[in-house]
Amino acid sequence: MAPQSQCKPGLAVLASCCSGLAVSGADVVTSGPSNTSEFAMHGVFLDLDSLAAGDLDLSAFDGLLDSWQTFPLTAPEQRLERVAGADIVVTNKVVLDEELLRAAPGIRLISLTATGYNNVAIDTARELGIAVSNVVAYATDSVAQHVFALMLAHHTRLLDYSRAVRDGVWSRSEQFCLLD
């Protein structure tokens, strides 16, 4: 990894900023200030559409690096071209294997927008000094929402009654409703 004096201040905190992501309507979006210094930093987001494109606010990325490029999806044969020159790679499902990491020596940080890291050659990343991190607070709100939805569905027997309606049990009931 580059000495701290060569890193922009945002690099150290990037992994904790990824929970506020933005989307543009374009397939490829480039943002950030133009900086041609030898320490200009570039980030790529390889598979933004895997995170429900249109829902996310990437404004937290603005100003962290000199430039960002986002791609809706990245096919295996596009990986090397897209990470070439990148200091930071953000991905959800794109595989970053040993061959790719060795062919892209500029990568300093891989931030995963998922709970695991099985799509990254961790040992190779460690050997090459590449930090690997999951985004902070990934899916916190949606997990809480899902838990409450399941609790309500269980408490009200939603699935039982839904099945009864679908199977015609309610229509055959001698009462005006199901009394089970």
N, C-alpha and C. Protein backbone atom coordinates (compact mmCIF):
# COMPACT_ATOMS: atom_id res chain seq x y z
N MET A 1 0.85 -1.17 0.00
CA MET A 1 0.00 0.00 0.00
C MET A 1 0.89 1.23 0.00
N ALA A 2 0.42 2.31 -0.62
CA ALA A 2 1.21 3.54 -0.72
C ALA A 2 1.36 4.16 0.66
N PRO A 3 2.48 4.84 0.87
CA PRO A 3 2.63 5.55 2.14
C PRO A 3 1.48 6.53 2.34
N GLN A 4 1.08 6.73 3.57
CA GLN A 4 -0.07 7.58 3.86
C GLN A 4 0.09 8.97 3.26
N SER A 5 1.31 9.51 3.20
CA SER A 5 1.51 10.85 2.66
C SER A 5 1.14 10.94 1.19
N GLN A 6 1.10 9.81 0.48
CA GLN A 6 0.74 9.82 -0.93
C GLN A 6 -0.75 9.61 -1.15
N CYS A 7 -1.49 9.32 -0.12
CA CYS A 7 -2.91 9.04 -0.26
C CYS A 7 -3.73 10.29 0.02
N LYS A 8 -4.80 10.45 -0.76
CA LYS A 8 -5.73 11.53 -0.44
C LYS A 8 -6.41 11.18 0.87
N PRO A 9 -6.83 12.19 1.65
CA PRO A 9 -7.46 11.90 2.94
C PRO A 9 -8.65 10.97 2.85
N GLY A 10 -9.40 11.03 1.76
CA GLY A 10 -10.60 10.20 1.63
C GLY A 10 -10.33 8.73 1.49
N LEU A 11 -9.13 8.34 1.06
CA LEU A 11 -8.84 6.92 0.86
C LEU A 11 -9.00 6.13 2.15
N ALA A 12 -8.53 6.66 3.24
CA ALA A 12 -8.58 5.93 4.51
C ALA A 12 -10.00 5.69 4.98
N VAL A 13 -10.93 6.53 4.57
CA VAL A 13 -12.30 6.39 5.06
C VAL A 13 -13.27 5.92 3.98
N LEU A 14 -12.76 5.63 2.78
CA LEU A 14 -13.67 5.26 1.70
C LEU A 14 -14.58 4.10 2.06
N ALA A 15 -14.03 3.05 2.65
CA ALA A 15 -14.82 1.86 2.95
C ALA A 15 -15.98 2.20 3.88
N SER A 16 -15.85 3.21 4.71
CA SER A 16 -16.95 3.56 5.61
C SER A 16 -17.93 4.53 4.97
N CYS A 17 -17.65 5.00 3.78
CA CYS A 17 -18.53 5.96 3.11
C CYS A 17 -19.44 5.30 2.09
N CYS A 18 -19.22 4.05 1.81
CA CYS A 18 -19.94 3.41 0.70
C CYS A 18 -21.41 3.14 0.99
N SER A 19 -21.89 3.41 2.17
CA SER A 19 -23.31 3.14 2.44
C SER A 19 -24.20 4.22 1.87
N GLY A 20 -23.67 5.36 1.40
CA GLY A 20 -24.49 6.37 0.76
C GLY A 20 -24.16 6.46 -0.71
N LEU A 21 -24.73 5.57 -1.53
CA LEU A 21 -24.35 5.46 -2.94
C LEU A 21 -25.36 6.15 -3.89
N ALA A 22 -24.94 6.93 -5.09
CA ALA A 22 -25.86 7.60 -6.07
C ALA A 22 -25.73 7.03 -7.44
N VAL A 23 -26.78 7.12 -8.17
CA VAL A 23 -26.78 6.54 -9.49
C VAL A 23 -27.16 7.59 -10.50
N SER A 24 -26.53 7.55 -11.64
CA SER A 24 -26.90 8.40 -12.76
C SER A 24 -27.65 7.53 -13.74
N GLY A 25 -28.42 8.14 -14.61
CA GLY A 25 -29.15 7.36 -15.60
C GLY A 25 -28.25 6.80 -16.68
N ALA A 26 -27.05 7.31 -16.83
CA ALA A 26 -26.13 6.84 -17.87
C ALA A 26 -25.53 5.50 -17.50
N ASP A 27 -25.09 4.76 -18.51
CA ASP A 27 -24.46 3.47 -18.27
C ASP A 27 -23.09 3.63 -17.62
N VAL A 28 -22.33 4.62 -18.04
CA VAL A 28 -21.02 4.86 -17.46
C VAL A 28 -20.98 6.30 -16.99
N VAL A 29 -20.63 6.49 -15.74
CA VAL A 29 -20.62 7.82 -15.15
C VAL A 29 -19.21 8.11 -14.67
N THR A 30 -18.69 9.26 -15.03
CA THR A 30 -17.39 9.68 -14.54
C THR A 30 -17.60 10.96 -13.76
N SER A 31 -17.06 11.03 -12.56
CA SER A 31 -17.25 12.22 -11.75
C SER A 31 -15.98 12.53 -11.00
N GLY A 32 -15.95 13.70 -10.40
CA GLY A 32 -14.83 14.10 -9.57
C GLY A 32 -14.03 15.20 -10.21
N PRO A 33 -13.23 15.88 -9.43
CA PRO A 33 -12.45 16.98 -9.94
C PRO A 33 -11.34 16.48 -10.86
N SER A 34 -10.98 17.28 -11.83
CA SER A 34 -9.88 16.93 -12.72
C SER A 34 -8.57 17.27 -12.03
N ASN A 35 -7.71 16.28 -11.89
CA ASN A 35 -6.44 16.50 -11.22
C ASN A 35 -5.39 15.70 -11.97
N THR A 36 -4.39 16.38 -12.49
CA THR A 36 -3.37 15.68 -13.27
C THR A 36 -2.09 15.49 -12.48
N SER A 37 -2.12 15.70 -11.17
CA SER A 37 -0.91 15.50 -10.38
C SER A 37 -0.53 14.03 -10.37
N GLU A 38 0.72 13.75 -10.02
CA GLU A 38 1.16 12.35 -10.01
C GLU A 38 0.43 11.53 -8.96
N PHE A 39 -0.25 12.17 -8.01
CA PHE A 39 -0.96 11.44 -6.97
C PHE A 39 -2.47 11.45 -7.20
N ALA A 40 -2.91 11.78 -8.40
CA ALA A 40 -4.33 11.74 -8.71
C ALA A 40 -4.83 10.31 -8.50
N MET A 41 -5.99 10.17 -7.87
CA MET A 41 -6.52 8.84 -7.58
C MET A 41 -7.82 8.61 -8.33
N HIS A 42 -8.00 7.38 -8.78
CA HIS A 42 -9.14 7.00 -9.60
C HIS A 42 -9.84 5.79 -8.98
N GLY A 43 -11.17 5.82 -8.96
CA GLY A 43 -11.95 4.69 -8.46
C GLY A 43 -12.91 4.19 -9.51
N VAL A 44 -13.21 2.90 -9.46
CA VAL A 44 -14.20 2.30 -10.36
C VAL A 44 -15.19 1.49 -9.54
N PHE A 45 -16.44 1.55 -9.96
CA PHE A 45 -17.50 0.71 -9.40
C PHE A 45 -17.90 -0.21 -10.53
N LEU A 46 -17.63 -1.50 -10.41
CA LEU A 46 -17.73 -2.42 -11.52
C LEU A 46 -19.13 -2.95 -11.84
N ASP A 47 -20.04 -2.97 -10.88
CA ASP A 47 -21.34 -3.60 -11.12
C ASP A 47 -22.45 -2.92 -10.33
N LEU A 48 -22.64 -1.66 -10.62
CA LEU A 48 -23.61 -0.86 -9.88
C LEU A 48 -25.03 -1.40 -10.00
N ASP A 49 -25.39 -1.95 -11.16
CA ASP A 49 -26.75 -2.45 -11.34
C ASP A 49 -27.07 -3.64 -10.44
N SER A 50 -26.05 -4.29 -9.88
CA SER A 50 -26.31 -5.41 -8.98
C SER A 50 -26.87 -4.94 -7.65
N LEU A 51 -26.92 -3.64 -7.45
CA LEU A 51 -27.43 -3.06 -6.21
C LEU A 51 -28.71 -2.26 -6.43
N ALA A 52 -29.55 -2.67 -7.35
CA ALA A 52 -30.81 -1.98 -7.62
C ALA A 52 -30.55 -0.57 -8.13
N ALA A 53 -30.05 -0.50 -9.33
CA ALA A 53 -29.73 0.80 -9.94
C ALA A 53 -30.94 1.73 -9.85
N GLY A 54 -30.66 2.97 -9.58
CA GLY A 54 -31.72 3.96 -9.45
C GLY A 54 -32.07 4.26 -8.01
N ASP A 55 -31.69 3.38 -7.09
CA ASP A 55 -32.01 3.56 -5.68
C ASP A 55 -30.92 4.22 -4.87
N LEU A 56 -29.71 4.26 -5.40
CA LEU A 56 -28.57 4.62 -4.58
C LEU A 56 -28.08 6.05 -4.84
N ASP A 57 -27.51 6.64 -3.82
CA ASP A 57 -26.97 7.98 -3.89
C ASP A 57 -25.46 7.91 -3.72
N LEU A 58 -24.72 8.13 -4.81
CA LEU A 58 -23.27 8.04 -4.78
C LEU A 58 -22.59 9.36 -4.40
N SER A 59 -23.34 10.32 -3.93
CA SER A 59 -22.76 11.63 -3.63
C SER A 59 -21.67 11.55 -2.56
N ALA A 60 -21.68 10.51 -1.72
CA ALA A 60 -20.62 10.36 -0.72
C ALA A 60 -19.27 10.15 -1.38
N PHE A 61 -19.25 9.67 -2.62
CA PHE A 61 -18.00 9.46 -3.33
C PHE A 61 -17.40 10.76 -3.87
N ASP A 62 -18.26 11.75 -4.15
CA ASP A 62 -17.78 13.01 -4.73
C ASP A 62 -16.72 13.64 -3.83
N GLY A 63 -15.62 13.99 -4.42
CA GLY A 63 -14.56 14.67 -3.69
C GLY A 63 -13.60 13.74 -2.95
N LEU A 64 -13.93 12.47 -2.80
CA LEU A 64 -13.00 11.55 -2.14
C LEU A 64 -11.80 11.25 -3.01
N LEU A 65 -12.05 11.15 -4.29
CA LEU A 65 -10.99 10.85 -5.25
C LEU A 65 -11.04 11.88 -6.37
N ASP A 66 -10.03 11.84 -7.21
CA ASP A 66 -10.00 12.76 -8.34
C ASP A 66 -11.02 12.38 -9.40
N SER A 67 -11.31 11.08 -9.54
CA SER A 67 -12.31 10.66 -10.51
C SER A 67 -12.90 9.31 -10.13
N TRP A 68 -14.14 9.13 -10.55
CA TRP A 68 -14.87 7.87 -10.35
C TRP A 68 -15.45 7.46 -11.69
N GLN A 69 -15.50 6.19 -11.93
CA GLN A 69 -16.17 5.67 -13.11
C GLN A 69 -17.05 4.52 -12.64
N THR A 70 -18.31 4.55 -13.05
CA THR A 70 -19.21 3.46 -12.66
C THR A 70 -19.68 2.74 -13.92
N PHE A 71 -19.88 1.45 -13.76
CA PHE A 71 -20.35 0.61 -14.84
C PHE A 71 -21.57 -0.16 -14.35
N PRO A 72 -22.60 -0.31 -15.18
CA PRO A 72 -23.77 -1.06 -14.72
C PRO A 72 -23.43 -2.51 -14.40
N LEU A 73 -22.66 -3.14 -15.27
CA LEU A 73 -22.20 -4.52 -15.09
C LEU A 73 -20.83 -4.64 -15.73
N THR A 74 -20.07 -5.64 -15.32
CA THR A 74 -18.76 -5.89 -15.91
C THR A 74 -18.63 -7.38 -16.19
N ALA A 75 -18.46 -7.70 -17.45
CA ALA A 75 -18.26 -9.10 -17.86
C ALA A 75 -16.82 -9.50 -17.53
N PRO A 76 -16.56 -10.79 -17.36
CA PRO A 76 -15.21 -11.24 -17.02
C PRO A 76 -14.13 -10.70 -17.96
N GLU A 77 -14.42 -10.64 -19.24
CA GLU A 77 -13.42 -10.17 -20.20
C GLU A 77 -13.22 -8.65 -20.16
N GLN A 78 -14.06 -7.93 -19.44
CA GLN A 78 -13.93 -6.47 -19.31
C GLN A 78 -13.20 -6.04 -18.03
N ARG A 79 -12.98 -6.96 -17.11
CA ARG A 79 -12.44 -6.62 -15.80
C ARG A 79 -11.10 -5.89 -15.85
N LEU A 80 -10.14 -6.46 -16.55
CA LEU A 80 -8.79 -5.88 -16.55
C LEU A 80 -8.79 -4.47 -17.14
N GLU A 81 -9.49 -4.29 -18.25
CA GLU A 81 -9.55 -2.97 -18.87
C GLU A 81 -10.17 -1.94 -17.91
N ARG A 82 -11.17 -2.35 -17.17
CA ARG A 82 -11.88 -1.41 -16.30
C ARG A 82 -11.13 -1.09 -15.01
N VAL A 83 -10.32 -2.00 -14.50
CA VAL A 83 -9.57 -1.71 -13.27
C VAL A 83 -8.19 -1.14 -13.57
N ALA A 84 -7.78 -1.15 -14.83
CA ALA A 84 -6.47 -0.59 -15.19
C ALA A 84 -6.42 0.87 -14.77
N GLY A 85 -5.45 1.24 -14.01
CA GLY A 85 -5.30 2.62 -13.56
C GLY A 85 -6.12 2.98 -12.35
N ALA A 86 -6.89 2.04 -11.84
CA ALA A 86 -7.74 2.32 -10.66
C ALA A 86 -6.95 2.11 -9.38
N ASP A 87 -7.14 3.01 -8.44
CA ASP A 87 -6.58 2.86 -7.10
C ASP A 87 -7.57 2.12 -6.21
N ILE A 88 -8.86 2.36 -6.47
CA ILE A 88 -9.92 1.78 -5.64
C ILE A 88 -10.92 1.08 -6.54
N VAL A 89 -11.27 -0.13 -6.18
CA VAL A 89 -12.26 -0.91 -6.91
C VAL A 89 -13.41 -1.22 -5.96
N VAL A 90 -14.62 -0.85 -6.37
CA VAL A 90 -15.82 -1.17 -5.61
C VAL A 90 -16.61 -2.16 -6.44
N THR A 91 -17.02 -3.26 -5.82
CA THR A 91 -17.76 -4.28 -6.55
C THR A 91 -18.69 -5.03 -5.61
N ASN A 92 -19.65 -5.70 -6.21
CA ASN A 92 -20.56 -6.56 -5.47
C ASN A 92 -20.24 -8.02 -5.81
N LYS A 93 -20.32 -8.37 -7.08
CA LYS A 93 -20.18 -9.76 -7.49
C LYS A 93 -19.06 -10.05 -8.48
N VAL A 94 -18.40 -9.03 -9.00
CA VAL A 94 -17.34 -9.27 -9.99
C VAL A 94 -16.17 -9.98 -9.30
N VAL A 95 -15.68 -11.03 -9.91
CA VAL A 95 -14.58 -11.82 -9.35
C VAL A 95 -13.26 -11.10 -9.60
N LEU A 96 -12.53 -10.88 -8.51
CA LEU A 96 -11.20 -10.26 -8.58
C LEU A 96 -10.20 -11.34 -8.15
N ASP A 97 -9.80 -12.14 -9.12
CA ASP A 97 -8.94 -13.29 -8.84
C ASP A 97 -7.46 -12.90 -8.85
N GLU A 98 -6.62 -13.88 -8.56
CA GLU A 98 -5.17 -13.65 -8.46
C GLU A 98 -4.61 -13.06 -9.75
N GLU A 99 -4.99 -13.62 -10.87
CA GLU A 99 -4.47 -13.14 -12.16
C GLU A 99 -4.80 -11.66 -12.37
N LEU A 100 -6.02 -11.28 -12.08
CA LEU A 100 -6.42 -9.88 -12.25
C LEU A 100 -5.66 -8.96 -11.29
N LEU A 101 -5.59 -9.34 -10.02
CA LEU A 101 -4.91 -8.49 -9.04
C LEU A 101 -3.44 -8.29 -9.40
N ARG A 102 -2.79 -9.32 -9.88
CA ARG A 102 -1.38 -9.20 -10.26
C ARG A 102 -1.21 -8.34 -11.51
N ALA A 103 -2.22 -8.31 -12.37
CA ALA A 103 -2.15 -7.54 -13.62
C ALA A 103 -2.54 -6.08 -13.41
N ALA A 104 -3.01 -5.72 -12.23
CA ALA A 104 -3.45 -4.34 -11.95
C ALA A 104 -2.73 -3.83 -10.71
N PRO A 105 -1.47 -3.46 -10.84
CA PRO A 105 -0.65 -3.11 -9.68
C PRO A 105 -1.05 -1.83 -8.96
N GLY A 106 -1.91 -1.02 -9.56
CA GLY A 106 -2.28 0.24 -8.92
C GLY A 106 -3.37 0.13 -7.87
N ILE A 107 -4.04 -1.01 -7.80
CA ILE A 107 -5.15 -1.15 -6.85
C ILE A 107 -4.62 -1.09 -5.43
N ARG A 108 -5.23 -0.21 -4.62
CA ARG A 108 -4.86 -0.06 -3.21
C ARG A 108 -5.96 -0.53 -2.26
N LEU A 109 -7.21 -0.45 -2.75
CA LEU A 109 -8.35 -0.81 -1.91
C LEU A 109 -9.42 -1.47 -2.75
N ILE A 110 -9.98 -2.56 -2.24
CA ILE A 110 -11.15 -3.20 -2.83
C ILE A 110 -12.24 -3.11 -1.78
N SER A 111 -13.34 -2.47 -2.14
CA SER A 111 -14.47 -2.35 -1.23
C SER A 111 -15.63 -3.15 -1.79
N LEU A 112 -16.12 -4.09 -1.00
CA LEU A 112 -17.17 -4.99 -1.45
C LEU A 112 -18.53 -4.53 -0.91
N THR A 113 -19.47 -4.41 -1.81
CA THR A 113 -20.82 -4.00 -1.42
C THR A 113 -21.66 -5.25 -1.17
N ALA A 114 -21.13 -6.11 -0.35
CA ALA A 114 -21.77 -7.39 -0.03
C ALA A 114 -21.28 -7.81 1.36
N THR A 115 -21.83 -8.90 1.86
CA THR A 115 -21.44 -9.34 3.20
C THR A 115 -20.22 -10.24 3.21
N GLY A 116 -19.92 -10.88 2.11
CA GLY A 116 -18.77 -11.79 2.08
C GLY A 116 -17.64 -11.21 1.26
N TYR A 117 -16.62 -12.03 1.03
CA TYR A 117 -15.51 -11.60 0.17
C TYR A 117 -14.96 -12.79 -0.61
N ASN A 118 -15.80 -13.77 -0.88
CA ASN A 118 -15.36 -14.96 -1.59
C ASN A 118 -15.03 -14.70 -3.06
N ASN A 119 -15.36 -13.53 -3.59
CA ASN A 119 -15.05 -13.22 -4.98
C ASN A 119 -13.72 -12.48 -5.13
N VAL A 120 -12.95 -12.38 -4.05
CA VAL A 120 -11.65 -11.71 -4.08
C VAL A 120 -10.57 -12.70 -3.63
N ALA A 121 -9.47 -12.72 -4.35
CA ALA A 121 -8.32 -13.55 -3.96
C ALA A 121 -7.65 -12.86 -2.77
N ILE A 122 -8.14 -13.17 -1.58
CA ILE A 122 -7.71 -12.50 -0.36
C ILE A 122 -6.21 -12.66 -0.09
N ASP A 123 -5.71 -13.86 -0.24
CA ASP A 123 -4.28 -14.08 0.03
C ASP A 123 -3.41 -13.26 -0.92
N THR A 124 -3.82 -13.20 -2.18
CA THR A 124 -3.06 -12.40 -3.16
C THR A 124 -3.16 -10.92 -2.81
N ALA A 125 -4.35 -10.47 -2.45
CA ALA A 125 -4.53 -9.06 -2.07
C ALA A 125 -3.64 -8.72 -0.88
N ARG A 126 -3.62 -9.59 0.10
CA ARG A 126 -2.76 -9.37 1.29
C ARG A 126 -1.29 -9.29 0.87
N GLU A 127 -0.87 -10.23 0.05
CA GLU A 127 0.52 -10.25 -0.42
C GLU A 127 0.89 -8.97 -1.17
N LEU A 128 -0.05 -8.44 -1.95
CA LEU A 128 0.20 -7.25 -2.76
C LEU A 128 -0.05 -5.94 -1.99
N GLY A 129 -0.48 -6.05 -0.74
CA GLY A 129 -0.72 -4.86 0.06
C GLY A 129 -2.02 -4.15 -0.29
N ILE A 130 -2.98 -4.88 -0.82
CA ILE A 130 -4.27 -4.31 -1.18
C ILE A 130 -5.23 -4.52 -0.01
N ALA A 131 -5.78 -3.43 0.49
CA ALA A 131 -6.78 -3.54 1.56
C ALA A 131 -8.09 -4.02 0.96
N VAL A 132 -8.78 -4.91 1.67
CA VAL A 132 -10.08 -5.42 1.24
C VAL A 132 -11.04 -5.19 2.39
N SER A 133 -12.18 -4.59 2.08
CA SER A 133 -13.15 -4.27 3.12
C SER A 133 -14.56 -4.38 2.60
N ASN A 134 -15.46 -4.82 3.45
CA ASN A 134 -16.88 -4.74 3.13
C ASN A 134 -17.34 -3.34 3.49
N VAL A 135 -18.38 -2.86 2.81
CA VAL A 135 -18.90 -1.54 3.13
C VAL A 135 -19.52 -1.57 4.53
N VAL A 136 -19.48 -0.45 5.19
CA VAL A 136 -20.01 -0.32 6.54
C VAL A 136 -21.53 -0.22 6.47
N ALA A 137 -22.20 -0.85 7.39
CA ALA A 137 -23.66 -0.76 7.53
C ALA A 137 -24.40 -1.30 6.31
N TYR A 138 -23.80 -2.28 5.63
CA TYR A 138 -24.44 -2.86 4.46
C TYR A 138 -25.79 -3.45 4.81
N ALA A 139 -26.83 -2.99 4.16
CA ALA A 139 -28.20 -3.51 4.27
C ALA A 139 -28.81 -3.38 5.66
N THR A 140 -28.29 -2.53 6.51
CA THR A 140 -28.80 -2.40 7.87
C THR A 140 -30.30 -2.09 7.88
N ASP A 141 -30.72 -1.09 7.11
CA ASP A 141 -32.13 -0.72 7.09
C ASP A 141 -33.00 -1.82 6.50
N SER A 142 -32.56 -2.42 5.39
CA SER A 142 -33.39 -3.44 4.75
C SER A 142 -33.47 -4.71 5.58
N VAL A 143 -32.42 -5.05 6.33
CA VAL A 143 -32.50 -6.22 7.21
C VAL A 143 -33.50 -5.97 8.32
N ALA A 144 -33.46 -4.80 8.92
CA ALA A 144 -34.43 -4.47 9.98
C ALA A 144 -35.85 -4.49 9.43
N GLN A 145 -36.05 -3.93 8.25
CA GLN A 145 -37.38 -3.93 7.63
C GLN A 145 -37.85 -5.36 7.37
N HIS A 146 -36.97 -6.20 6.88
CA HIS A 146 -37.31 -7.59 6.59
C HIS A 146 -37.68 -8.34 7.88
N VAL A 147 -36.94 -8.11 8.95
CA VAL A 147 -37.24 -8.76 10.23
C VAL A 147 -38.63 -8.39 10.71
N PHE A 148 -38.98 -7.11 10.65
CA PHE A 148 -40.31 -6.69 11.09
C PHE A 148 -41.40 -7.26 10.19
N ALA A 149 -41.15 -7.31 8.89
CA ALA A 149 -42.13 -7.89 7.96
C ALA A 149 -42.36 -9.37 8.29
N LEU A 150 -41.29 -10.10 8.57
CA LEU A 150 -41.43 -11.52 8.93
C LEU A 150 -42.17 -11.69 10.25
N MET A 151 -41.86 -10.84 11.23
CA MET A 151 -42.56 -10.93 12.53
C MET A 151 -44.05 -10.70 12.35
N LEU A 152 -44.41 -9.68 11.57
CA LEU A 152 -45.83 -9.40 11.34
C LEU A 152 -46.49 -10.52 10.55
N ALA A 153 -45.83 -11.03 9.55
CA ALA A 153 -46.39 -12.13 8.76
C ALA A 153 -46.61 -13.35 9.64
N HIS A 154 -45.66 -13.65 10.52
CA HIS A 154 -45.80 -14.80 11.41
C HIS A 154 -46.94 -14.58 12.42
N HIS A 155 -46.95 -13.41 13.03
CA HIS A 155 -47.95 -13.14 14.06
C HIS A 155 -49.38 -13.14 13.50
N THR A 156 -49.56 -12.66 12.28
CA THR A 156 -50.90 -12.60 11.70
C THR A 156 -51.23 -13.82 10.86
N ARG A 157 -50.30 -14.78 10.76
CA ARG A 157 -50.48 -15.98 9.94
C ARG A 157 -50.76 -15.62 8.48
N LEU A 158 -50.10 -14.60 8.02
CA LEU A 158 -50.28 -14.08 6.67
C LEU A 158 -50.14 -15.18 5.61
N LEU A 159 -49.09 -15.98 5.70
CA LEU A 159 -48.87 -17.01 4.68
C LEU A 159 -49.95 -18.10 4.74
N ASP A 160 -50.40 -18.45 5.95
CA ASP A 160 -51.47 -19.45 6.07
C ASP A 160 -52.75 -18.96 5.40
N TYR A 161 -53.12 -17.72 5.67
CA TYR A 161 -54.36 -17.17 5.10
C TYR A 161 -54.21 -16.93 3.60
N SER A 162 -53.06 -16.54 3.17
CA SER A 162 -52.82 -16.36 1.74
C SER A 162 -52.99 -17.69 1.01
N ARG A 163 -52.43 -18.75 1.58
CA ARG A 163 -52.56 -20.09 0.99
C ARG A 163 -54.02 -20.53 1.00
N ALA A 164 -54.74 -20.24 2.07
CA ALA A 164 -56.15 -20.63 2.16
C ALA A 164 -56.98 -19.93 1.08
N VAL A 165 -56.71 -18.66 0.84
CA VAL A 165 -57.43 -17.94 -0.21
C VAL A 165 -57.08 -18.53 -1.57
N ARG A 166 -55.79 -18.75 -1.82
CA ARG A 166 -55.34 -19.30 -3.10
C ARG A 166 -55.94 -20.70 -3.34
N ASP A 167 -56.07 -21.51 -2.28
CA ASP A 167 -56.59 -22.87 -2.43
C ASP A 167 -58.12 -22.93 -2.40
N GLY A 168 -58.78 -21.79 -2.25
CA GLY A 168 -60.24 -21.75 -2.26
C GLY A 168 -60.89 -22.11 -0.94
N VAL A 169 -60.12 -22.28 0.13
CA VAL A 169 -60.67 -22.65 1.44
C VAL A 169 -61.64 -21.58 1.94
N TRP A 170 -61.28 -20.33 1.78
CA TRP A 170 -62.13 -19.23 2.24
C TRP A 170 -63.46 -19.24 1.47
N SER A 171 -63.40 -19.45 0.17
CA SER A 171 -64.62 -19.46 -0.65
C SER A 171 -65.56 -20.59 -0.25
N ARG A 172 -65.02 -21.69 0.21
CA ARG A 172 -65.84 -22.84 0.61
C ARG A 172 -66.30 -22.76 2.06
N SER A 173 -65.84 -21.78 2.79
CA SER A 173 -66.18 -21.67 4.20
C SER A 173 -67.68 -21.45 4.39
N GLU A 174 -68.26 -22.08 5.41
CA GLU A 174 -69.69 -21.91 5.71
C GLU A 174 -69.95 -20.58 6.41
N GLN A 175 -68.89 -19.97 6.92
CA GLN A 175 -69.00 -18.67 7.59
C GLN A 175 -68.58 -17.58 6.60
N PHE A 176 -68.75 -16.35 7.01
CA PHE A 176 -68.35 -15.22 6.16
C PHE A 176 -66.82 -15.03 6.14
N CYS A 177 -66.13 -15.76 6.99
CA CYS A 177 -64.67 -15.66 7.04
C CYS A 177 -64.11 -16.99 7.56
N LEU A 178 -62.81 -17.08 7.52
CA LEU A 178 -62.16 -18.26 8.08
C LEU A 178 -62.07 -18.12 9.59
N LEU A 179 -62.51 -19.16 10.29
CA LEU A 179 -62.47 -19.13 11.75
C LEU A 179 -61.58 -20.25 12.26
N ASP A 180 -60.41 -20.37 11.76
CA ASP A 180 -59.55 -21.46 12.21
C ASP A 180 -58.49 -21.01 13.16
